[in-house]
Amino acid sequence: MNSSPFPPTTRKVQLDEKWSFVAKKQKHCTGADDLFAGDQWDHVALDPDSRLVLSVVVGKRIVENAELLLSDVRARLGGRVPELVTSDEYPAYPEALLAVFGAESVPPRTGRPGRPAGPRTMPPPELRYATVHKTRAKGRVVRVESREVFGTGAGQPPASTSYLERPNATDRHRNARKGRKTYRFSKDWDIHAALTAFTMYSDNFCWPVRTLRVKGRTPLWQQRTPAMAAGLTDHAWTMEEWLTLPSVQR
């Protein structure tokens, strides 16, 4: 994907995965033929300041899809490195972040005997990556801790994925095939992925978020969508605009 000509004003990114399934439950899947059946995860990247859904990748919970998600985020940011990335403790993200944002570096010689260290991939110095560790007791979260992986969080707020968990719940409400403990589910992966993109990306432009409103003159409060808060548009789009205007600007 080419870099966005109008990158959003994103400085922070939250990452999370939302479960659903296609065609049948995972326990009924048998081998490689079921790559597009069984458990399917929405890998989502969100800007917590504007509530803008930056990217969604639907598929198995594997490293390759985490890399696809972050590669798309980097393209949408015009190649810019976010200053803070937070996620749960899904182990694929550190590897994916290094693959997408990392740079090759050769450690300096130490002067000691032995073969010098070879090149290695290092995170950019401006990137801070932290994870959220949740301690549960009797099915309830009793403690939440922030753990630094890259960079330093000295004097910074703790890591959080709460802003992304809210849109995840909203998406389950608006997209019936994502509901838990229900008879409604997708039978075709392509339709499943298309509806996921439709509901989550249309939220960016068409649905104002109450907590994003700002004081104005007339009316007293100006309602804003995530796309407005991110500087991508100046008004809330109608569904007709969303469906008829080109999605790619050149």
C-alpha atoms as a PDB file:
ATOM      1  CA  MET A   1       0.000   0.000   0.000  1.00  0.00           C
ATOM      2  CA  ASN A   2       1.308   3.470  -0.863  1.00  0.00           C
ATOM      3  CA  SER A   3       1.877   6.012   1.868  1.00  0.00           C
ATOM      4  CA  SER A   4      -1.170   8.122   2.648  1.00  0.00           C
ATOM      5  CA  PRO A   5      -1.140  11.590   1.040  1.00  0.00           C
ATOM      6  CA  PHE A   6      -3.105  12.920   4.028  1.00  0.00           C
ATOM      7  CA  PRO A   7      -1.748  11.105   7.102  1.00  0.00           C
ATOM      8  CA  PRO A   8      -3.769  11.548  10.298  1.00  0.00           C
ATOM      9  CA  THR A   9      -2.292  13.415  13.255  1.00  0.00           C
ATOM     10  CA  THR A  10      -1.569  10.175  15.112  1.00  0.00           C
ATOM     11  CA  ARG A  11       1.078   9.968  17.832  1.00  0.00           C
ATOM     12  CA  LYS A  12      -0.171   6.930  19.770  1.00  0.00           C
ATOM     13  CA  VAL A  13      -1.456   3.529  18.656  1.00  0.00           C
ATOM     14  CA  GLN A  14      -3.328   0.873  20.598  1.00  0.00           C
ATOM     15  CA  LEU A  15      -3.384  -2.726  19.318  1.00  0.00           C
ATOM     16  CA  ASP A  16      -5.833  -5.490  20.138  1.00  0.00           C
ATOM     17  CA  GLU A  17      -7.455  -8.597  18.648  1.00  0.00           C
ATOM     18  CA  LYS A  18     -11.177  -9.390  18.640  1.00  0.00           C
ATOM     19  CA  TRP A  19     -12.365 -12.989  18.237  1.00  0.00           C
ATOM     20  CA  SER A  20     -15.066 -14.322  15.940  1.00  0.00           C
ATOM     21  CA  PHE A  21     -15.423 -17.392  13.742  1.00  0.00           C
ATOM     22  CA  VAL A  22     -16.341 -18.254  10.153  1.00  0.00           C
ATOM     23  CA  ALA A  23     -18.314 -21.285   8.890  1.00  0.00           C
ATOM     24  CA  LYS A  24     -17.660 -23.491  11.944  1.00  0.00           C
ATOM     25  CA  LYS A  25     -16.028 -23.510  15.345  1.00  0.00           C
ATOM     26  CA  GLN A  26     -12.286 -24.131  15.476  1.00  0.00           C
ATOM     27  CA  LYS A  27     -12.704 -27.551  17.140  1.00  0.00           C
ATOM     28  CA  HIS A  28     -14.379 -28.792  13.946  1.00  0.00           C
ATOM     29  CA  CYS A  29     -11.575 -27.580  11.632  1.00  0.00           C
ATOM     30  CA  THR A  30      -9.188 -30.097  10.136  1.00  0.00           C
ATOM     31  CA  GLY A  31      -5.882 -28.831   8.748  1.00  0.00           C
ATOM     32  CA  ALA A  32      -4.780 -26.313   6.135  1.00  0.00           C
ATOM     33  CA  ASP A  33      -8.089 -26.429   4.238  1.00  0.00           C
ATOM     34  CA  ASP A  34      -9.636 -24.474   7.102  1.00  0.00           C
ATOM     35  CA  LEU A  35      -7.318 -21.439   6.956  1.00  0.00           C
ATOM     36  CA  PHE A  36     -10.386 -19.319   6.192  1.00  0.00           C
ATOM     37  CA  ALA A  37     -12.702 -21.135   8.621  1.00  0.00           C
ATOM     38  CA  GLY A  38     -12.851 -21.475  12.361  1.00  0.00           C
ATOM     39  CA  ASP A  39     -11.353 -18.825  14.631  1.00  0.00           C
ATOM     40  CA  GLN A  40     -10.812 -15.493  12.864  1.00  0.00           C
ATOM     41  CA  TRP A  41      -9.431 -12.453  14.643  1.00  0.00           C
ATOM     42  CA  ASP A  42      -9.858  -8.758  13.917  1.00  0.00           C
ATOM     43  CA  HIS A  43      -6.354  -7.344  14.398  1.00  0.00           C
ATOM     44  CA  VAL A  44      -7.158  -3.674  15.073  1.00  0.00           C
ATOM     45  CA  ALA A  45      -4.956  -0.587  15.414  1.00  0.00           C
ATOM     46  CA  LEU A  46      -6.582   2.540  16.891  1.00  0.00           C
ATOM     47  CA  ASP A  47      -5.485   6.101  17.626  1.00  0.00           C
ATOM     48  CA  PRO A  48      -6.631   6.637  21.252  1.00  0.00           C
ATOM     49  CA  ASP A  49      -6.599  10.434  20.952  1.00  0.00           C
ATOM     50  CA  SER A  50      -8.964  10.684  17.961  1.00  0.00           C
ATOM     51  CA  ARG A  51     -10.572   7.192  18.299  1.00  0.00           C
ATOM     52  CA  LEU A  52      -9.651   6.671  14.627  1.00  0.00           C
ATOM     53  CA  VAL A  53      -9.457   3.040  13.506  1.00  0.00           C
ATOM     54  CA  LEU A  54      -6.189   3.101  11.575  1.00  0.00           C
ATOM     55  CA  SER A  55      -6.231  -0.443  10.237  1.00  0.00           C
ATOM     56  CA  VAL A  56      -8.026  -3.792  10.503  1.00  0.00           C
ATOM     57  CA  VAL A  57      -6.623  -7.144   9.384  1.00  0.00           C
ATOM     58  CA  VAL A  58      -8.916 -10.174   9.574  1.00  0.00           C
ATOM     59  CA  GLY A  59      -7.398 -13.635   9.865  1.00  0.00           C
ATOM     60  CA  LYS A  60      -5.686 -16.165  12.057  1.00  0.00           C
ATOM     61  CA  ARG A  61      -3.841 -14.981  15.162  1.00  0.00           C
ATOM     62  CA  ILE A  62      -0.348 -15.347  13.704  1.00  0.00           C
ATOM     63  CA  VAL A  63       2.765 -13.175  13.407  1.00  0.00           C
ATOM     64  CA  GLU A  64       2.216 -12.569   9.684  1.00  0.00           C
ATOM     65  CA  ASN A  65      -1.116 -10.840  10.316  1.00  0.00           C
ATOM     66  CA  ALA A  66       0.391  -8.716  13.091  1.00  0.00           C
ATOM     67  CA  GLU A  67       3.041  -7.573  10.600  1.00  0.00           C
ATOM     68  CA  LEU A  68       0.386  -6.844   7.961  1.00  0.00           C
ATOM     69  CA  LEU A  69      -1.478  -4.696  10.485  1.00  0.00           C
ATOM     70  CA  LEU A  70       1.584  -2.667  11.480  1.00  0.00           C
ATOM     71  CA  SER A  71       2.783  -2.313   7.881  1.00  0.00           C
ATOM     72  CA  ASP A  72      -0.593  -0.822   6.985  1.00  0.00           C
ATOM     73  CA  VAL A  73      -0.418   1.504  10.000  1.00  0.00           C
ATOM     74  CA  ARG A  74       2.998   2.756   8.924  1.00  0.00           C
ATOM     75  CA  ALA A  75       1.754   3.402   5.394  1.00  0.00           C
ATOM     76  CA  ARG A  76      -1.302   5.281   6.664  1.00  0.00           C
ATOM     77  CA  LEU A  77       0.942   7.447   8.848  1.00  0.00           C
ATOM     78  CA  GLY A  78       3.064   8.392   5.871  1.00  0.00           C
ATOM     79  CA  GLY A  79       5.993   6.358   7.196  1.00  0.00           C
ATOM     80  CA  ARG A  80       6.043   8.219  10.522  1.00  0.00           C
ATOM     81  CA  VAL A  81       6.932   6.237  13.660  1.00  0.00           C
ATOM     82  CA  PRO A  82       4.370   6.612  16.488  1.00  0.00           C
ATOM     83  CA  GLU A  83       5.775   7.739  19.820  1.00  0.00           C
ATOM     84  CA  LEU A  84       3.775   5.173  21.827  1.00  0.00           C
ATOM     85  CA  VAL A  85       2.368   1.730  20.956  1.00  0.00           C
ATOM     86  CA  THR A  86       0.437  -0.293  23.536  1.00  0.00           C
ATOM     87  CA  SER A  87      -1.090  -3.760  23.372  1.00  0.00           C
ATOM     88  CA  ASP A  88      -1.931  -6.796  25.432  1.00  0.00           C
ATOM     89  CA  GLU A  89       0.797  -9.395  25.934  1.00  0.00           C
ATOM     90  CA  TYR A  90       0.276 -11.125  22.587  1.00  0.00           C
ATOM     91  CA  PRO A  91       3.872 -12.276  21.834  1.00  0.00           C
ATOM     92  CA  ALA A  92       3.676 -11.565  18.088  1.00  0.00           C
ATOM     93  CA  TYR A  93       3.754  -7.780  18.473  1.00  0.00           C
ATOM     94  CA  PRO A  94       7.388  -7.210  19.554  1.00  0.00           C
ATOM     95  CA  GLU A  95       8.640  -9.218  16.566  1.00  0.00           C
ATOM     96  CA  ALA A  96       6.215  -7.477  14.213  1.00  0.00           C
ATOM     97  CA  LEU A  97       7.149  -4.007  15.492  1.00  0.00           C
ATOM     98  CA  LEU A  98      10.831  -4.699  14.893  1.00  0.00           C
ATOM     99  CA  ALA A  99      10.111  -6.069  11.411  1.00  0.00           C
ATOM    100  CA  VAL A 100       8.086  -2.990  10.414  1.00  0.00           C
ATOM    101  CA  PHE A 101       9.687  -0.076  12.305  1.00  0.00           C
ATOM    102  CA  GLY A 102      13.090  -1.448  13.277  1.00  0.00           C
ATOM    103  CA  ALA A 103      16.428  -0.482  11.724  1.00  0.00           C
ATOM    104  CA  GLU A 104      19.581  -2.538  11.346  1.00  0.00           C
ATOM    105  CA  SER A 105      22.335  -1.515  13.733  1.00  0.00           C
ATOM    106  CA  VAL A 106      25.888  -2.783  14.309  1.00  0.00           C
ATOM    107  CA  PRO A 107      26.948  -2.716  17.985  1.00  0.00           C
ATOM    108  CA  PRO A 108      30.239  -0.868  18.635  1.00  0.00           C
ATOM    109  CA  ARG A 109      33.400  -2.874  19.168  1.00  0.00           C
ATOM    110  CA  THR A 110      34.108  -3.607  22.817  1.00  0.00           C
ATOM    111  CA  GLY A 111      37.849  -4.188  22.429  1.00  0.00           C
ATOM    112  CA  ARG A 112      37.538  -7.604  23.991  1.00  0.00           C
ATOM    113  CA  PRO A 113      38.800 -10.810  22.350  1.00  0.00           C
ATOM    114  CA  GLY A 114      36.429 -12.748  20.147  1.00  0.00           C
ATOM    115  CA  ARG A 115      34.306 -12.234  17.084  1.00  0.00           C
ATOM    116  CA  PRO A 116      32.580  -8.822  17.008  1.00  0.00           C
ATOM    117  CA  ALA A 117      28.807  -8.752  17.278  1.00  0.00           C
ATOM    118  CA  GLY A 118      26.982  -8.777  13.970  1.00  0.00           C
ATOM    119  CA  PRO A 119      24.191  -6.466  12.844  1.00  0.00           C
ATOM    120  CA  ARG A 120      20.873  -6.675  14.645  1.00  0.00           C
ATOM    121  CA  THR A 121      17.460  -5.083  14.276  1.00  0.00           C
ATOM    122  CA  MET A 122      16.791  -2.399  16.871  1.00  0.00           C
ATOM    123  CA  PRO A 123      13.651  -0.369  17.602  1.00  0.00           C
ATOM    124  CA  PRO A 124      13.844   3.320  16.671  1.00  0.00           C
ATOM    125  CA  PRO A 125      14.784   5.500  19.655  1.00  0.00           C
ATOM    126  CA  GLU A 126      11.579   7.540  19.410  1.00  0.00           C
ATOM    127  CA  LEU A 127       9.335   4.469  19.765  1.00  0.00           C
ATOM    128  CA  ARG A 128       8.033   3.395  23.163  1.00  0.00           C
ATOM    129  CA  TYR A 129       6.216   0.051  23.292  1.00  0.00           C
ATOM    130  CA  ALA A 130       4.459  -1.107  26.461  1.00  0.00           C
ATOM    131  CA  THR A 131       2.104  -3.970  27.242  1.00  0.00           C
ATOM    132  CA  VAL A 132      -0.826  -4.305  29.610  1.00  0.00           C
ATOM    133  CA  HIS A 133      -0.624  -7.189  32.079  1.00  0.00           C
ATOM    134  CA  LYS A 134      -3.931  -8.137  33.714  1.00  0.00           C
ATOM    135  CA  THR A 135      -4.112 -10.260  36.857  1.00  0.00           C
ATOM    136  CA  ARG A 136      -7.391 -12.167  37.233  1.00  0.00           C
ATOM    137  CA  ALA A 137      -8.987 -13.857  40.221  1.00  0.00           C
ATOM    138  CA  LYS A 138     -12.215 -15.846  39.975  1.00  0.00           C
ATOM    139  CA  GLY A 139     -12.771 -14.587  36.441  1.00  0.00           C
ATOM    140  CA  ARG A 140     -12.397 -10.915  37.319  1.00  0.00           C
ATOM    141  CA  VAL A 141      -9.544  -8.488  36.643  1.00  0.00           C
ATOM    142  CA  VAL A 142      -8.111  -7.493  40.029  1.00  0.00           C
ATOM    143  CA  ARG A 143      -4.942  -5.677  38.932  1.00  0.00           C
ATOM    144  CA  VAL A 144      -3.610  -4.017  35.785  1.00  0.00           C
ATOM    145  CA  GLU A 145       0.119  -3.379  35.312  1.00  0.00           C
ATOM    146  CA  SER A 146       2.057  -1.579  32.588  1.00  0.00           C
ATOM    147  CA  ARG A 147       5.228  -3.289  31.359  1.00  0.00           C
ATOM    148  CA  GLU A 148       7.801  -1.543  29.167  1.00  0.00           C
ATOM    149  CA  VAL A 149       9.217  -3.496  26.214  1.00  0.00           C
ATOM    150  CA  PHE A 150      10.908  -0.827  24.080  1.00  0.00           C
ATOM    151  CA  GLY A 151      11.867   2.666  25.194  1.00  0.00           C
ATOM    152  CA  THR A 152      11.282   4.146  28.609  1.00  0.00           C
ATOM    153  CA  GLY A 153       8.069   5.160  30.305  1.00  0.00           C
ATOM    154  CA  ALA A 154       9.634   7.352  32.997  1.00  0.00           C
ATOM    155  CA  GLY A 155       7.230  10.181  33.709  1.00  0.00           C
ATOM    156  CA  GLN A 156       4.739   8.851  31.139  1.00  0.00           C
ATOM    157  CA  PRO A 157       1.195   7.561  31.737  1.00  0.00           C
ATOM    158  CA  PRO A 158       0.835   3.766  32.072  1.00  0.00           C
ATOM    159  CA  ALA A 159       0.022   1.611  29.053  1.00  0.00           C
ATOM    160  CA  SER A 160      -3.641   1.039  28.269  1.00  0.00           C
ATOM    161  CA  THR A 161      -5.858  -0.554  25.633  1.00  0.00           C
ATOM    162  CA  SER A 162      -9.123   0.730  27.095  1.00  0.00           C
ATOM    163  CA  TYR A 163      -9.853   3.140  24.232  1.00  0.00           C
ATOM    164  CA  LEU A 164      -9.726   0.231  21.776  1.00  0.00           C
ATOM    165  CA  GLU A 165     -11.798  -2.119  23.905  1.00  0.00           C
ATOM    166  CA  ARG A 166     -14.729   0.318  23.712  1.00  0.00           C
ATOM    167  CA  PRO A 167     -14.933   0.309  19.850  1.00  0.00           C
ATOM    168  CA  ASN A 168     -14.556  -3.482  19.952  1.00  0.00           C
ATOM    169  CA  ALA A 169     -17.726  -3.700  22.034  1.00  0.00           C
ATOM    170  CA  THR A 170     -19.506  -1.240  19.752  1.00  0.00           C
ATOM    171  CA  ASP A 171     -18.522  -3.256  16.685  1.00  0.00           C
ATOM    172  CA  ARG A 172     -19.969  -6.436  18.210  1.00  0.00           C
ATOM    173  CA  HIS A 173     -23.221  -4.556  18.703  1.00  0.00           C
ATOM    174  CA  ARG A 174     -23.394  -3.176  15.141  1.00  0.00           C
ATOM    175  CA  ASN A 175     -22.099  -6.258  13.343  1.00  0.00           C
ATOM    176  CA  ALA A 176     -24.352  -9.159  14.332  1.00  0.00           C
ATOM    177  CA  ARG A 177     -21.924 -11.819  13.078  1.00  0.00           C
ATOM    178  CA  LYS A 178     -19.442 -10.729  15.778  1.00  0.00           C
ATOM    179  CA  GLY A 179     -21.800 -11.347  18.683  1.00  0.00           C
ATOM    180  CA  ARG A 180     -20.835 -13.936  21.275  1.00  0.00           C
ATOM    181  CA  LYS A 181     -23.026 -16.951  22.123  1.00  0.00           C
ATOM    182  CA  THR A 182     -25.293 -16.484  19.133  1.00  0.00           C
ATOM    183  CA  TYR A 183     -26.529 -18.405  16.096  1.00  0.00           C
ATOM    184  CA  ARG A 184     -25.455 -15.525  13.837  1.00  0.00           C
ATOM    185  CA  PHE A 185     -22.085 -16.053  12.188  1.00  0.00           C
ATOM    186  CA  SER A 186     -20.359 -15.672   8.824  1.00  0.00           C
ATOM    187  CA  LYS A 187     -20.352 -18.585   6.403  1.00  0.00           C
ATOM    188  CA  ASP A 188     -17.923 -16.996   3.917  1.00  0.00           C
ATOM    189  CA  TRP A 189     -14.555 -15.436   4.833  1.00  0.00           C
ATOM    190  CA  ASP A 190     -14.630 -12.756   2.104  1.00  0.00           C
ATOM    191  CA  ILE A 191     -18.025 -11.473   3.259  1.00  0.00           C
ATOM    192  CA  HIS A 192     -16.857 -11.622   6.862  1.00  0.00           C
ATOM    193  CA  ALA A 193     -13.762  -9.504   6.114  1.00  0.00           C
ATOM    194  CA  ALA A 194     -15.750  -7.060   3.957  1.00  0.00           C
ATOM    195  CA  LEU A 195     -18.390  -6.450   6.639  1.00  0.00           C
ATOM    196  CA  THR A 196     -15.663  -6.009   9.242  1.00  0.00           C
ATOM    197  CA  ALA A 197     -13.983  -3.303   7.157  1.00  0.00           C
ATOM    198  CA  PHE A 198     -17.327  -1.645   6.403  1.00  0.00           C
ATOM    199  CA  THR A 199     -18.512  -1.342  10.001  1.00  0.00           C
ATOM    200  CA  MET A 200     -15.179  -0.321  11.515  1.00  0.00           C
ATOM    201  CA  TYR A 201     -14.017   2.157   8.849  1.00  0.00           C
ATOM    202  CA  SER A 202     -17.449   3.769   8.427  1.00  0.00           C
ATOM    203  CA  ASP A 203     -17.354   4.552  12.155  1.00  0.00           C
ATOM    204  CA  ASN A 204     -14.371   6.800  11.441  1.00  0.00           C
ATOM    205  CA  PHE A 205     -16.336   9.149   9.205  1.00  0.00           C
ATOM    206  CA  CYS A 206     -20.043   8.689   9.931  1.00  0.00           C
ATOM    207  CA  TRP A 207     -20.501   8.294  13.688  1.00  0.00           C
ATOM    208  CA  PRO A 208     -19.743  11.200  16.065  1.00  0.00           C
ATOM    209  CA  VAL A 209     -18.189  10.247  19.392  1.00  0.00           C
ATOM    210  CA  ARG A 210     -19.603  12.092  22.381  1.00  0.00           C
ATOM    211  CA  THR A 211     -16.260  12.465  24.150  1.00  0.00           C
ATOM    212  CA  LEU A 212     -14.702  14.085  21.053  1.00  0.00           C
ATOM    213  CA  ARG A 213     -17.103  17.028  20.964  1.00  0.00           C
ATOM    214  CA  VAL A 214     -15.683  20.527  21.310  1.00  0.00           C
ATOM    215  CA  LYS A 215     -17.194  23.838  22.292  1.00  0.00           C
ATOM    216  CA  GLY A 216     -18.400  25.978  19.414  1.00  0.00           C
ATOM    217  CA  ARG A 217     -20.562  29.019  18.809  1.00  0.00           C
ATOM    218  CA  THR A 218     -23.583  27.583  16.995  1.00  0.00           C
ATOM    219  CA  PRO A 219     -24.403  25.027  18.211  1.00  0.00           C
ATOM    220  CA  LEU A 220     -22.788  25.307  21.627  1.00  0.00           C
ATOM    221  CA  TRP A 221     -21.187  21.889  21.209  1.00  0.00           C
ATOM    222  CA  GLN A 222     -19.769  20.673  17.906  1.00  0.00           C
ATOM    223  CA  GLN A 223     -20.050  16.921  17.485  1.00  0.00           C
ATOM    224  CA  ARG A 224     -16.990  15.301  15.892  1.00  0.00           C
ATOM    225  CA  THR A 225     -16.239  11.958  14.283  1.00  0.00           C
ATOM    226  CA  PRO A 226     -12.835  10.272  14.704  1.00  0.00           C
ATOM    227  CA  ALA A 227     -11.898  11.397  11.178  1.00  0.00           C
ATOM    228  CA  MET A 228     -12.676  15.004  12.128  1.00  0.00           C
ATOM    229  CA  ALA A 229     -10.610  14.737  15.306  1.00  0.00           C
ATOM    230  CA  ALA A 230      -7.712  13.278  13.281  1.00  0.00           C
ATOM    231  CA  GLY A 231      -7.804  16.142  10.777  1.00  0.00           C
ATOM    232  CA  LEU A 232      -8.989  14.044   7.819  1.00  0.00           C
ATOM    233  CA  THR A 233     -12.304  15.821   7.178  1.00  0.00           C
ATOM    234  CA  ASP A 234     -14.304  18.833   8.360  1.00  0.00           C
ATOM    235  CA  HIS A 235     -17.763  17.269   8.770  1.00  0.00           C
ATOM    236  CA  ALA A 236     -19.562  14.060   9.673  1.00  0.00           C
ATOM    237  CA  TRP A 237     -20.205  12.074   6.502  1.00  0.00           C
ATOM    238  CA  THR A 238     -23.549  10.589   5.608  1.00  0.00           C
ATOM    239  CA  MET A 239     -23.682   6.922   4.650  1.00  0.00           C
ATOM    240  CA  GLU A 240     -24.365   8.036   1.073  1.00  0.00           C
ATOM    241  CA  GLU A 241     -21.064   9.951   1.032  1.00  0.00           C
ATOM    242  CA  TRP A 242     -19.241   7.006   2.556  1.00  0.00           C
ATOM    243  CA  LEU A 243     -20.614   4.571  -0.020  1.00  0.00           C
ATOM    244  CA  THR A 244     -20.272   6.754  -3.130  1.00  0.00           C
ATOM    245  CA  LEU A 245     -17.093   8.801  -2.696  1.00  0.00           C
ATOM    246  CA  PRO A 246     -13.819   7.135  -3.750  1.00  0.00           C
ATOM    247  CA  SER A 247     -11.996   5.526  -0.856  1.00  0.00           C
ATOM    248  CA  VAL A 248      -8.536   6.168  -2.281  1.00  0.00           C
ATOM    249  CA  GLN A 249      -7.351   9.716  -3.042  1.00  0.00           C
ATOM    250  CA  ARG A 250      -4.445  10.269  -5.408  1.00  0.00           C
END
